[in-house]
Each structure stands twice: as structure tokens, then as C-alpha cells.
Amino acid sequence: MSHQDHGRLRGTHASSLNQVFGWLLANVSLSGLRFRQDCSWTPRALMCAGLLWAWSDEPTLGERFGASRKIIRQLLGEQLELAGTYQAFVKLLRRWTGPLRECLQAVFRERMAADFGALWTIVGWIVFAIDGSRVDVPRTRGNEQRYSPKSKLSRNAQKRRYDRRRHRAQRRQAEQNARKANVPRIWLTVLWHVGLGLPWDWQTGPSDSSERAHLQAMLSTLPPNALLVADAGFVGYDLWQAIIRSGRHLLVRVGSNVRLFKKLGFRTRERAQTVYLWPDAVAKKGLAPLTLRLIVLQGKGRPMYLVTDIHNTQQLSDAQAAEIYRRRWGIELFYRHCKQTFDRGKLRSLNPDNGLVELEWSLLGLWAMGLHSHFYLTRRGVPPERISFAGVLRAYRRPMREYKSRPDSGERLTELLSLALIDPYARKNRTSRDYPRKKQERPPGPPIILRATRKQTKHAQDIKKDPTLRLTA
């Protein structure tokens, strides 16, 4: 930006936004991205416009683009003539969202590791949580074909099943239930940094996607020796084996859908907490069992069962494991902020490709906003759990609405961020409230823990003696 442009922006809300982008994109390398010669957008301008488009609170996607385009022209110079249609803008985003996301993710991850000191780790571990959720999309034919769950019955088979019903009312109710079950949704699985409360990576797919498959696809993005925390949905021999063999560690809640063995004799020194995951199908293939440590946490209600591959209690004690798993709850709050406060519970794009673009930039915008606000507030002694996402969102949207004007006292971005704090008073326990639409999910029961038979013990010893079969330990 020229000195003349600096003078034009000095003292305005646009100057604050320009400083935000200067900090966020300082180390972004765009040298490998080349747009067409007749394209009026540059990679950096498109990246800034995508973030502003995600931050905007205008009611429609077209109006969000219009607002972000005006701000970009103010930041880069009124003489810059950018393409003025939303269709051209979103078509460009469809082509370049993947490369731009990779550039932003690389820089954001570097900043998370380098700029936050002790918040990067928890009791010496780099901790990530994993969870999935569904995001609604409009019920268009394209969205239904792309994101609706695939029925196991053909349409003719469904029709024959409905025709067999005796009463018309029953058939009508069944058809209504089938239509409700066929609502198109995007399945979103997020890797979330527990210490900072910021996203790290994500995968998307149709509403019946496998979040376990999504996790395996994202494993390579985690730092070496990272600790992955998950709920009872992320279980399975193949998944846990992939995590351990990748050089990462796991801390997973287990329930009655998991069968564990004790006294198998595969580990040289078995302790009271030593258990093994060894499904029958795995044992028949001659594969080694997974050696784990079972942690039982006694609370006010039912006991909670966690397993980890970290056997040394000095590296991870039971109390530390309990604290880490308790903080996993933050990813549930992240989804609430994203879908309710950030208003991304239902996307607005009618085209399935545009829906992915909208979701990708919403997550990138949320990440960028959180990274910048966390850096500013944590350096002033504010812990991440006290930062109000609603207050942060208001702080960034205020300069966008009044980008040409000069802020009055108390209206600067930094001043608004300083007020984006959660009140310190203790809130009452509201868990007893019985909301009409509140989920009433039963907590998982205890895992099935069996003592290994002599035959199983001998089989395990045979595998242990054969080095070609000891794929895991």
C-alpha cells in the first residue's frame, strides 16, 4: 500500500482492518498462485475479501460480497476496479479456495505454535480434540444429491414397502418420516486445539460420512507426539492402531461398545490398569493386540472410563487425564459458537459447490478472527476461556459497518476487543432444565472387560515371539 493510501486510511476503522490483515497475512506466501491476466482480483485481495465475506452479518450472501468488496476497494485504493458480481466472485472462490486455504492454514498453525507460549501445551502435551457435527443446507436437488444420506433401499423397494402398509394414514406418515430423514446436511469433522480453543483442521462430506475416516485423513497434520482426545464415538482397532503408529497418542472415552481384555500377558510388565484391545477378527489374522491403560474416573454420577496408550503415570497421571478430558468439552462450545452465534447452523448456498465454499470460508474466517483476538487478549493476561466469542464478533463487525468513518472514544477495534470478556461471576447450574428440544442422550455404559483365556494368552505369546507379526505393542 502506498504512503498516500496510508494517509487516506489513517485514523479510520479501515485502518484497523488493514492492520488486522497485515498481522494475519504477514507470512503468507502467494508466489505460487497466478490468476489470469484479465482477472481484476489478486490472490491477496481475494483472500481478504473471503475473510470479510465470512465476517459480514449482511442477510444474504450477495450483500455480504457487496460489503466486503467496498472495504477491499477502500483498503487497496478506490482506483482498483474489482469484478462487481457475486457470481464471478464465488466462481473465483470455487477455483482457488483449496490453495488459499492451504496458505492460510500453514501460517495460522505456525502462529499457534510460536506466538502463544505456555498455552500451546497442557501439562506438557500438545492436546487436540476431535468431534463431528452436521450443518444444514437448503433443500435443493443438487444439495440433496450431494449431501443427503444414501438410502439402503432402492426407490422401487421403498415404494413396495410403503404399498404393503394397510392404512393410508400409516403410509402418509412413513413418507413424511422418510422425507425428514432425507434432509441434506454437510458432515463436518473438526480437529480443535484444546489449549488455545482454536480449530486446526477439518474435513467435510455427506451427512452419513464417517468421522473416523475423517480423523485418519487429518492425522498427518498433527504435530509429532500430539495427544488426541475423543469421545466414545472414536473407537476401533484400525483407528487406534493408525493413531499410535503415526507417532501420536490417544485419550478416548470408552463404553459398552468396546471389549477389553486383562491378563493377556502380551506386555512384559502388566499393571492393574493394563488392558488390551484385541477383537476376534484381528486375532484370527494374527495381528498383535493394542496395549492400553484403563483410567476409571469416579464422579457424582456414573464412573467414566478412559483409555490411553501412555502407560507412564509420570507423563500423564489419572488426574491430568481427567483434566484434559474435561477440557475436551470446549469443542462442543466451538460448534455452538459456529452454528448459533456465528449463524452457520444452516448455510445459504443453493449450489452444493458453493455450499462447501461458504462453509470453508466461514471456518477460515472464524479461525482468523479467533487467532488475532486471542493473540491480543492473551498477551494482556486474559485466559482463552474468558474470551467472549460474541464480543469478539461484535468487535470485528463494527469496523466493517463504519469502515470510512473515524471511531469515537471506546469504538476502536482494540478497545472493543478489550471488552470481549465473559463475566467472572459464577453462574447457577442449569442442567436440570428440561428444554423441549434438549437432547436426552444416555451416557455410555462401562466397557466389557474380560479376563483372557488360556488359549488367548498362548496365541498372544506366539504373536509376541514372531517379530513379523508384532505390528503394534
Protein backbone atom coordinates (compact mmCIF):
# COMPACT_ATOMS: atom_id res chain seq x y z
CA MET A 1 0.00 0.00 0.00
CA SER A 2 1.37 3.44 -0.93
CA HIS A 3 2.08 6.26 1.53
CA GLN A 4 -0.84 8.15 0.00
CA ASP A 5 -3.15 5.25 0.84
CA HIS A 6 -1.76 5.14 4.38
CA GLY A 7 -2.66 8.78 4.80
CA ARG A 8 -6.11 8.19 3.36
CA LEU A 9 -6.85 5.40 5.86
CA ARG A 10 -5.14 6.90 8.90
CA GLY A 11 -7.46 7.13 11.89
CA THR A 12 -10.42 5.34 10.28
CA HIS A 13 -11.94 1.95 11.01
CA ALA A 14 -10.47 0.78 7.69
CA SER A 15 -7.01 1.38 9.12
CA SER A 16 -7.77 -1.05 11.97
CA LEU A 17 -8.92 -3.70 9.48
CA ASN A 18 -5.79 -3.09 7.41
CA GLN A 19 -3.64 -3.73 10.50
CA VAL A 20 -5.53 -6.96 11.21
CA PHE A 21 -4.87 -8.27 7.71
CA GLY A 22 -1.28 -7.10 7.90
CA TRP A 23 -0.77 -9.22 11.01
CA LEU A 24 -2.73 -12.24 9.80
CA LEU A 25 -1.16 -12.40 6.34
CA ALA A 26 2.35 -11.21 7.17
CA ASN A 27 3.99 -14.57 6.43
CA VAL A 28 1.57 -15.86 3.80
CA SER A 29 3.38 -16.87 0.63
CA LEU A 30 1.27 -16.37 -2.52
CA SER A 31 4.12 -16.53 -5.03
CA GLY A 32 2.90 -19.81 -6.48
CA LEU A 33 -0.63 -18.52 -7.20
CA ARG A 34 -1.24 -16.91 -10.56
CA PHE A 35 -4.63 -15.63 -11.73
CA ARG A 36 -5.50 -14.97 -15.34
CA GLN A 37 -4.11 -11.75 -16.80
CA ASP A 38 -7.60 -10.36 -17.39
CA CYS A 39 -8.67 -11.08 -13.78
CA SER A 40 -9.05 -7.90 -11.73
CA TRP A 41 -8.58 -9.77 -8.45
CA THR A 42 -5.22 -10.58 -6.92
CA PRO A 43 -4.68 -13.59 -4.62
CA ARG A 44 -4.22 -11.34 -1.57
CA ALA A 45 -7.30 -9.24 -2.37
CA LEU A 46 -9.38 -12.40 -2.86
CA MET A 47 -8.10 -13.82 0.43
CA CYS A 48 -9.01 -10.65 2.34
CA ALA A 49 -12.39 -10.46 0.61
CA GLY A 50 -13.12 -14.08 1.52
CA LEU A 51 -12.43 -13.40 5.21
CA LEU A 52 -14.51 -10.22 5.18
CA TRP A 53 -17.29 -12.08 3.36
CA ALA A 54 -17.29 -14.64 6.17
CA TRP A 55 -17.25 -11.99 8.91
CA SER A 56 -20.09 -9.93 7.43
CA ASP A 57 -23.52 -10.01 9.09
CA GLU A 58 -25.48 -8.97 6.00
CA PRO A 59 -28.61 -11.11 5.48
CA THR A 60 -27.72 -12.54 2.04
CA LEU A 61 -24.51 -13.86 0.50
CA GLY A 62 -24.70 -11.28 -2.29
CA GLU A 63 -24.98 -8.41 0.18
CA ARG A 64 -22.05 -9.81 2.16
CA PHE A 65 -19.97 -9.80 -1.02
CA GLY A 66 -21.03 -6.24 -1.79
CA ALA A 67 -19.99 -5.06 1.68
CA SER A 68 -16.65 -6.87 1.57
CA ARG A 69 -15.90 -5.56 -1.95
CA LYS A 70 -16.39 -1.99 -0.81
CA ILE A 71 -14.00 -2.49 2.10
CA ILE A 72 -11.37 -4.11 -0.14
CA ARG A 73 -11.55 -1.19 -2.57
CA GLN A 74 -11.13 1.18 0.37
CA LEU A 75 -8.10 -0.75 1.64
CA LEU A 76 -6.40 -1.21 -1.73
CA GLY A 77 -7.42 2.04 -3.38
CA GLU A 78 -10.61 3.39 -4.93
CA GLN A 79 -8.99 3.20 -8.37
CA LEU A 80 -8.93 -0.60 -8.17
CA GLU A 81 -11.79 -1.90 -10.30
CA LEU A 82 -12.76 -5.34 -8.97
CA ALA A 83 -15.29 -7.63 -10.57
CA GLY A 84 -18.61 -6.47 -9.21
CA THR A 85 -20.87 -9.53 -9.43
CA TYR A 86 -21.33 -12.15 -6.76
CA GLN A 87 -21.42 -14.90 -9.38
CA ALA A 88 -17.94 -14.01 -10.64
CA PHE A 89 -16.65 -13.76 -7.05
CA VAL A 90 -17.96 -17.15 -5.93
CA LYS A 91 -16.79 -18.78 -9.18
CA LEU A 92 -13.29 -17.50 -8.43
CA LEU A 93 -13.56 -18.81 -4.86
CA ARG A 94 -14.61 -22.24 -6.10
CA ARG A 95 -11.42 -22.40 -8.15
CA TRP A 96 -8.99 -21.03 -5.55
CA THR A 97 -10.39 -21.88 -2.11
CA GLY A 98 -8.24 -25.03 -1.85
CA PRO A 99 -4.86 -23.32 -2.50
CA LEU A 100 -5.77 -20.26 -0.43
CA ARG A 101 -6.89 -22.47 2.47
CA GLU A 102 -3.55 -24.31 2.41
CA CYS A 103 -1.66 -20.99 2.55
CA LEU A 104 -3.73 -19.69 5.45
CA GLN A 105 -3.63 -22.95 7.41
CA ALA A 106 0.15 -23.16 7.20
CA VAL A 107 0.60 -19.62 8.56
CA PHE A 108 -2.11 -19.93 11.22
CA ARG A 109 -0.60 -23.17 12.54
CA GLU A 110 2.86 -21.61 12.70
CA ARG A 111 1.48 -18.70 14.70
CA MET A 112 -0.37 -21.01 17.11
CA ALA A 113 2.83 -22.93 17.82
CA ALA A 114 5.14 -19.90 18.07
CA ASP A 115 3.17 -16.96 19.49
CA PHE A 116 1.25 -18.33 22.47
CA GLY A 117 3.91 -19.70 24.82
CA ALA A 118 2.57 -21.93 27.57
CA LEU A 119 -0.92 -22.09 26.03
CA TRP A 120 0.43 -24.32 23.27
CA THR A 121 0.69 -27.28 25.68
CA ILE A 122 -1.30 -28.70 28.61
CA VAL A 123 0.76 -30.49 31.28
CA GLY A 124 3.49 -30.95 28.69
CA TRP A 125 1.23 -32.32 25.93
CA ILE A 126 0.03 -30.73 22.70
CA VAL A 127 -3.64 -31.66 23.04
CA PHE A 128 -6.22 -31.80 20.26
CA ALA A 129 -9.89 -32.74 20.45
CA ILE A 130 -11.86 -34.29 17.62
CA ASP A 131 -15.61 -34.27 17.05
CA GLY A 132 -18.16 -34.08 14.27
CA SER A 133 -21.43 -32.27 13.64
CA ARG A 134 -23.91 -31.66 10.81
CA VAL A 135 -24.52 -28.32 9.10
CA ASP A 136 -27.82 -27.84 7.27
CA VAL A 137 -28.01 -26.67 3.67
CA PRO A 138 -31.04 -25.56 1.61
CA ARG A 139 -33.17 -28.37 0.25
CA THR A 140 -32.34 -28.10 -3.43
CA ARG A 141 -31.98 -31.00 -5.83
CA GLY A 142 -28.22 -30.52 -6.06
CA ASN A 143 -27.77 -30.41 -2.29
CA GLU A 144 -29.95 -33.49 -1.83
CA GLN A 145 -27.94 -35.46 -4.38
CA ARG A 146 -24.62 -34.41 -2.85
CA TYR A 147 -25.26 -34.38 0.89
CA SER A 148 -28.34 -36.45 1.74
CA PRO A 149 -27.73 -39.88 3.29
CA LYS A 150 -27.77 -42.67 0.77
CA SER A 151 -30.76 -44.95 1.38
CA LYS A 152 -30.03 -48.67 1.59
CA LEU A 153 -33.24 -49.41 -0.34
CA SER A 154 -33.88 -48.51 -3.94
CA ARG A 155 -36.79 -46.23 -4.75
CA ASN A 156 -38.82 -49.15 -6.12
CA ALA A 157 -38.13 -51.19 -2.99
CA GLN A 158 -39.22 -48.26 -0.84
CA LYS A 159 -42.40 -47.90 -2.88
CA ARG A 160 -43.22 -51.60 -2.49
CA ARG A 161 -42.62 -51.38 1.23
CA TYR A 162 -44.96 -48.39 1.53
CA ASP A 163 -47.60 -50.10 -0.62
CA ARG A 164 -47.69 -53.03 1.76
CA ARG A 165 -48.98 -50.84 4.52
CA ARG A 166 -52.66 -51.38 5.23
CA HIS A 167 -53.78 -47.87 6.04
CA ARG A 168 -53.30 -44.70 4.04
CA ALA A 169 -52.52 -42.70 7.18
CA GLN A 170 -49.68 -45.01 8.03
CA ARG A 171 -48.27 -44.75 4.51
CA ARG A 172 -48.50 -40.96 4.61
CA GLN A 173 -46.71 -40.84 7.97
CA ALA A 174 -43.98 -43.14 6.69
CA GLU A 175 -43.45 -40.93 3.65
CA GLN A 176 -43.19 -37.86 5.86
CA ASN A 177 -40.63 -39.59 8.07
CA ALA A 178 -38.62 -40.60 5.01
CA ARG A 179 -38.58 -37.01 3.74
CA LYS A 180 -37.46 -35.72 7.14
CA ALA A 181 -34.67 -38.29 7.29
CA ASN A 182 -33.50 -37.23 3.84
CA VAL A 183 -32.66 -33.64 4.85
CA PRO A 184 -29.38 -32.64 3.14
CA ARG A 185 -26.63 -31.80 5.60
CA ILE A 186 -22.86 -31.43 5.39
CA TRP A 187 -20.99 -33.56 7.89
CA LEU A 188 -18.19 -31.50 9.44
CA THR A 189 -15.38 -33.08 11.48
CA VAL A 190 -13.03 -30.63 13.23
CA LEU A 191 -9.63 -31.04 14.87
CA TRP A 192 -9.56 -28.46 17.65
CA HIS A 193 -6.59 -27.27 19.73
CA VAL A 194 -7.66 -27.62 23.35
CA GLY A 195 -5.17 -25.19 24.92
CA LEU A 196 -5.99 -22.27 22.62
CA GLY A 197 -9.59 -23.10 21.76
CA LEU A 198 -8.95 -22.70 18.03
CA PRO A 199 -9.51 -25.03 15.05
CA TRP A 200 -6.57 -26.84 13.47
CA ASP A 201 -8.07 -28.74 10.55
CA TRP A 202 -11.39 -30.09 9.28
CA GLN A 203 -12.95 -32.49 6.80
CA THR A 204 -16.39 -32.35 5.17
CA GLY A 205 -18.68 -34.83 3.45
CA PRO A 206 -22.30 -36.00 3.08
CA SER A 207 -24.43 -36.32 6.19
CA ASP A 208 -23.67 -40.04 6.54
CA SER A 209 -19.88 -39.60 6.36
CA SER A 210 -17.57 -41.43 8.75
CA GLU A 211 -15.94 -39.12 11.27
CA ARG A 212 -13.38 -41.85 11.96
CA ALA A 213 -12.33 -41.80 8.31
CA HIS A 214 -12.13 -38.01 8.50
CA LEU A 215 -9.83 -38.28 11.51
CA GLN A 216 -7.50 -40.70 9.76
CA ALA A 217 -7.30 -38.31 6.82
CA MET A 218 -6.22 -35.49 9.16
CA LEU A 219 -3.71 -37.41 11.30
CA SER A 220 -0.72 -36.29 9.24
CA THR A 221 -1.44 -32.62 10.01
CA LEU A 222 -0.95 -33.10 13.77
CA PRO A 223 2.42 -32.31 15.36
CA PRO A 224 4.50 -35.36 16.33
CA ASN A 225 3.76 -36.74 19.80
CA ALA A 226 0.44 -34.87 19.98
CA LEU A 227 -2.29 -36.18 22.30
CA LEU A 228 -5.68 -36.75 20.68
CA VAL A 229 -8.76 -36.61 22.93
CA ALA A 230 -12.06 -38.07 21.71
CA ASP A 231 -15.43 -39.25 22.96
CA ALA A 232 -16.89 -42.75 22.78
CA GLY A 233 -17.64 -42.48 19.06
CA PHE A 234 -13.98 -42.67 18.04
CA VAL A 235 -13.23 -46.29 18.86
CA GLY A 236 -11.92 -49.22 16.84
CA TYR A 237 -8.78 -51.25 16.41
CA ASP A 238 -7.87 -49.85 12.99
CA LEU A 239 -8.34 -46.24 14.08
CA TRP A 240 -6.37 -46.57 17.31
CA GLN A 241 -3.64 -48.51 15.56
CA ALA A 242 -3.33 -45.75 12.94
CA ILE A 243 -3.05 -43.08 15.66
CA ILE A 244 -0.37 -44.96 17.59
CA ARG A 245 1.65 -45.93 14.52
CA SER A 246 1.61 -42.32 13.31
CA GLY A 247 3.59 -41.26 16.39
CA ARG A 248 0.61 -39.61 18.15
CA HIS A 249 -1.16 -40.63 21.35
CA LEU A 250 -4.80 -41.12 22.27
CA LEU A 251 -7.06 -40.48 25.23
CA VAL A 252 -10.51 -41.83 24.38
CA ARG A 253 -13.64 -42.44 26.39
CA VAL A 254 -14.92 -45.99 26.02
CA GLY A 255 -18.33 -47.51 26.65
CA SER A 256 -20.17 -50.77 26.31
CA ASN A 257 -19.37 -50.89 22.58
CA VAL A 258 -15.74 -51.75 23.43
CA ARG A 259 -14.48 -55.10 24.68
CA LEU A 260 -11.16 -55.13 26.53
CA PHE A 261 -9.05 -57.98 27.92
CA LYS A 262 -6.95 -58.22 31.06
CA LYS A 263 -4.14 -60.63 31.97
CA LEU A 264 -3.30 -61.35 28.34
CA GLY A 265 0.44 -61.41 29.08
CA PHE A 266 1.45 -59.56 25.92
CA ARG A 267 3.08 -56.69 27.80
CA THR A 268 6.21 -57.58 29.75
CA ARG A 269 5.10 -55.70 32.86
CA GLU A 270 1.37 -55.72 33.34
CA ARG A 271 -0.12 -53.36 35.90
CA ALA A 272 -3.56 -53.08 37.41
CA GLN A 273 -4.58 -50.58 34.70
CA THR A 274 -3.20 -52.59 31.76
CA VAL A 275 -5.86 -53.70 29.26
CA TYR A 276 -5.80 -54.91 25.67
CA LEU A 277 -7.96 -54.24 22.65
CA TRP A 278 -7.98 -57.43 20.59
CA PRO A 279 -11.12 -58.08 18.55
CA ASP A 280 -11.71 -61.64 17.37
CA ALA A 281 -11.31 -60.71 13.70
CA VAL A 282 -7.93 -59.12 14.46
CA ALA A 283 -6.78 -62.13 16.49
CA LYS A 284 -7.72 -64.52 13.64
CA LYS A 285 -5.50 -62.53 11.29
CA GLY A 286 -2.58 -63.00 13.68
CA LEU A 287 -2.25 -59.28 14.43
CA ALA A 288 -0.94 -58.10 17.77
CA PRO A 289 -3.28 -56.63 20.40
CA LEU A 290 -3.19 -52.97 21.32
CA THR A 291 -1.78 -52.49 24.80
CA LEU A 292 -3.63 -49.71 26.63
CA ARG A 293 -4.10 -48.21 30.05
CA LEU A 294 -7.59 -48.01 31.55
CA ILE A 295 -8.41 -44.96 33.67
CA VAL A 296 -11.59 -45.03 35.75
CA LEU A 297 -12.81 -41.64 36.94
CA GLN A 298 -15.33 -41.52 39.77
CA GLY A 299 -17.63 -38.51 39.70
CA LYS A 300 -21.01 -37.54 41.10
CA GLY A 301 -22.81 -39.79 38.63
CA ARG A 302 -21.65 -42.85 36.79
CA PRO A 303 -17.93 -43.63 36.54
CA MET A 304 -16.17 -42.58 33.34
CA TYR A 305 -13.79 -44.91 31.54
CA LEU A 306 -10.85 -43.60 29.52
CA VAL A 307 -8.14 -45.50 27.68
CA THR A 308 -4.74 -44.22 26.59
CA ASP A 309 -1.59 -45.67 25.13
CA ILE A 310 0.51 -43.63 27.61
CA HIS A 311 1.41 -46.14 30.34
CA ASN A 312 3.81 -43.94 32.32
CA THR A 313 1.79 -42.19 35.03
CA GLN A 314 4.56 -39.65 35.46
CA GLN A 315 4.00 -38.48 31.90
CA LEU A 316 0.21 -38.49 32.26
CA SER A 317 -1.38 -39.10 35.64
CA ASP A 318 -5.01 -40.03 36.17
CA ALA A 319 -5.75 -36.52 37.47
CA GLN A 320 -4.11 -34.93 34.43
CA ALA A 321 -6.05 -37.23 32.09
CA ALA A 322 -9.29 -36.23 33.83
CA GLU A 323 -8.48 -32.53 33.46
CA ILE A 324 -7.58 -32.91 29.78
CA TYR A 325 -10.75 -34.82 29.00
CA ARG A 326 -12.83 -32.26 30.91
CA ARG A 327 -11.41 -29.53 28.70
CA ARG A 328 -12.43 -31.51 25.61
CA TRP A 329 -15.90 -30.05 26.22
CA GLY A 330 -14.63 -26.86 24.61
CA ILE A 331 -15.08 -28.34 21.14
CA GLU A 332 -18.81 -28.62 21.86
CA LEU A 333 -18.80 -24.90 22.67
CA PHE A 334 -16.89 -24.28 19.44
CA TYR A 335 -19.67 -25.90 17.44
CA ARG A 336 -22.27 -23.89 19.36
CA HIS A 337 -20.42 -20.65 18.59
CA CYS A 338 -20.05 -21.62 14.93
CA LYS A 339 -23.64 -22.72 14.36
CA GLN A 340 -25.54 -20.31 16.62
CA THR A 341 -23.53 -17.18 17.44
CA PHE A 342 -21.81 -17.15 14.04
CA ASP A 343 -25.10 -18.21 12.41
CA ARG A 344 -23.72 -21.10 10.36
CA GLY A 345 -26.18 -23.70 11.57
CA LYS A 346 -27.76 -23.54 8.10
CA LEU A 347 -25.84 -22.35 5.09
CA ARG A 348 -27.45 -20.18 2.42
CA SER A 349 -25.90 -21.52 -0.78
CA LEU A 350 -28.29 -23.31 -3.14
CA ASN A 351 -25.46 -24.89 -5.14
CA PRO A 352 -23.57 -27.77 -3.43
CA ASP A 353 -20.17 -26.50 -4.61
CA ASN A 354 -20.96 -23.00 -3.35
CA GLY A 355 -22.09 -24.51 -0.04
CA LEU A 356 -18.65 -26.01 0.51
CA VAL A 357 -17.05 -22.67 -0.36
CA GLU A 358 -19.33 -20.89 2.11
CA LEU A 359 -18.50 -23.38 4.87
CA GLU A 360 -14.75 -23.34 4.17
CA TRP A 361 -14.50 -19.55 4.36
CA SER A 362 -16.76 -19.43 7.40
CA LEU A 363 -14.31 -21.71 9.23
CA LEU A 364 -11.30 -19.80 7.94
CA GLY A 365 -12.90 -16.51 8.98
CA LEU A 366 -13.73 -17.84 12.42
CA TRP A 367 -10.16 -19.14 12.79
CA ALA A 368 -8.61 -15.84 11.65
CA MET A 369 -10.81 -13.82 13.97
CA GLY A 370 -10.07 -16.10 16.91
CA LEU A 371 -6.33 -16.16 16.25
CA HIS A 372 -5.99 -12.38 16.12
CA SER A 373 -8.23 -11.72 19.13
CA HIS A 374 -6.55 -14.47 21.19
CA PHE A 375 -3.12 -13.03 20.43
CA TYR A 376 -4.20 -9.55 21.50
CA LEU A 377 -6.04 -10.60 24.68
CA THR A 378 -3.79 -13.41 25.94
CA ARG A 379 -0.77 -11.08 25.83
CA ARG A 380 -2.74 -8.93 28.29
CA GLY A 381 -3.27 -11.80 30.69
CA VAL A 382 -6.74 -12.92 29.57
CA PRO A 383 -7.09 -16.74 29.51
CA PRO A 384 -8.79 -18.16 26.38
CA GLU A 385 -11.75 -19.49 28.38
CA ARG A 386 -12.66 -15.94 29.43
CA ILE A 387 -12.82 -14.60 25.87
CA SER A 388 -16.38 -13.98 24.68
CA PHE A 389 -16.87 -15.09 21.10
CA ALA A 390 -19.99 -12.93 20.76
CA GLY A 391 -18.00 -9.91 21.95
CA VAL A 392 -15.15 -10.68 19.54
CA LEU A 393 -17.62 -10.97 16.67
CA ARG A 394 -19.13 -7.58 17.51
CA ALA A 395 -15.65 -6.06 17.74
CA TYR A 396 -14.74 -7.01 14.16
CA ARG A 397 -18.11 -6.28 12.61
CA ARG A 398 -18.25 -2.72 13.96
CA PRO A 399 -15.28 -1.50 11.86
CA MET A 400 -16.73 -3.27 8.82
CA ARG A 401 -20.01 -1.37 9.04
CA GLU A 402 -18.31 2.02 9.57
CA TYR A 403 -15.06 1.46 7.68
CA LYS A 404 -14.92 5.01 6.22
CA SER A 405 -15.52 6.88 9.47
CA ARG A 406 -13.24 7.67 12.39
CA PRO A 407 -14.05 5.79 15.60
CA ASP A 408 -15.26 7.72 18.61
CA SER A 409 -13.82 7.14 22.05
CA GLY A 410 -14.17 3.49 23.03
CA GLU A 411 -15.03 2.35 19.49
CA ARG A 412 -11.58 1.34 18.24
CA LEU A 413 -11.07 -2.33 17.45
CA THR A 414 -8.56 -2.82 20.27
CA GLU A 415 -10.90 -1.12 22.74
CA LEU A 416 -13.81 -3.30 21.66
CA LEU A 417 -11.65 -6.42 21.94
CA SER A 418 -10.69 -5.46 25.49
CA LEU A 419 -14.40 -5.60 26.38
CA ALA A 420 -14.96 -9.02 24.76
CA LEU A 421 -14.74 -10.89 28.06
CA ILE A 422 -17.03 -13.32 29.84
CA ASP A 423 -18.21 -12.03 33.21
CA PRO A 424 -16.24 -13.67 36.07
CA TYR A 425 -19.22 -14.32 38.33
CA ALA A 426 -20.23 -17.92 38.96
CA ARG A 427 -23.35 -19.00 37.11
CA LYS A 428 -26.02 -21.25 38.50
CA ASN A 429 -26.25 -24.86 37.46
CA ARG A 430 -28.96 -25.16 34.81
CA THR A 431 -28.51 -28.82 33.93
CA SER A 432 -31.88 -29.66 35.47
CA ARG A 433 -33.77 -27.63 32.90
CA ASP A 434 -35.83 -29.84 30.65
CA TYR A 435 -35.98 -27.95 27.35
CA PRO A 436 -38.46 -29.36 24.82
CA ARG A 437 -35.76 -29.95 22.18
CA LYS A 438 -32.89 -30.74 24.52
CA LYS A 439 -31.03 -33.93 23.68
CA GLN A 440 -31.64 -36.68 26.21
CA GLU A 441 -28.69 -38.90 25.42
CA ARG A 442 -27.78 -41.65 27.84
CA PRO A 443 -24.12 -41.70 28.84
CA PRO A 444 -22.15 -44.70 27.58
CA GLY A 445 -22.10 -47.69 29.88
CA PRO A 446 -18.94 -49.36 31.17
CA PRO A 447 -16.75 -51.24 28.69
CA ILE A 448 -16.83 -55.02 28.60
CA ILE A 449 -13.71 -56.17 30.44
CA LEU A 450 -12.89 -59.87 30.27
CA ARG A 451 -10.07 -61.96 31.63
CA ALA A 452 -8.13 -63.59 28.80
CA THR A 453 -8.48 -67.33 28.42
CA ARG A 454 -5.51 -69.69 28.28
CA LYS A 455 -6.00 -70.12 24.56
CA GLN A 456 -5.94 -66.36 24.01
CA THR A 457 -2.87 -65.96 26.22
CA LYS A 458 -0.99 -68.64 24.28
CA HIS A 459 -2.00 -67.08 20.96
CA ALA A 460 -0.75 -63.70 22.17
CA GLN A 461 2.57 -65.23 23.26
CA ASP A 462 3.02 -66.85 19.85
CA ILE A 463 2.46 -63.49 18.17
CA LYS A 464 4.86 -61.82 20.58
CA LYS A 465 7.63 -64.30 19.71
CA ASP A 466 7.18 -63.75 15.97
CA PRO A 467 8.69 -60.31 15.15
CA THR A 468 6.97 -60.22 11.75
CA LEU A 469 3.56 -60.18 13.46
CA ARG A 470 4.29 -57.57 16.13
CA LEU A 471 2.80 -54.69 14.23
CA THR A 472 1.75 -52.91 17.43
CA ALA A 473 2.83 -53.03 21.05
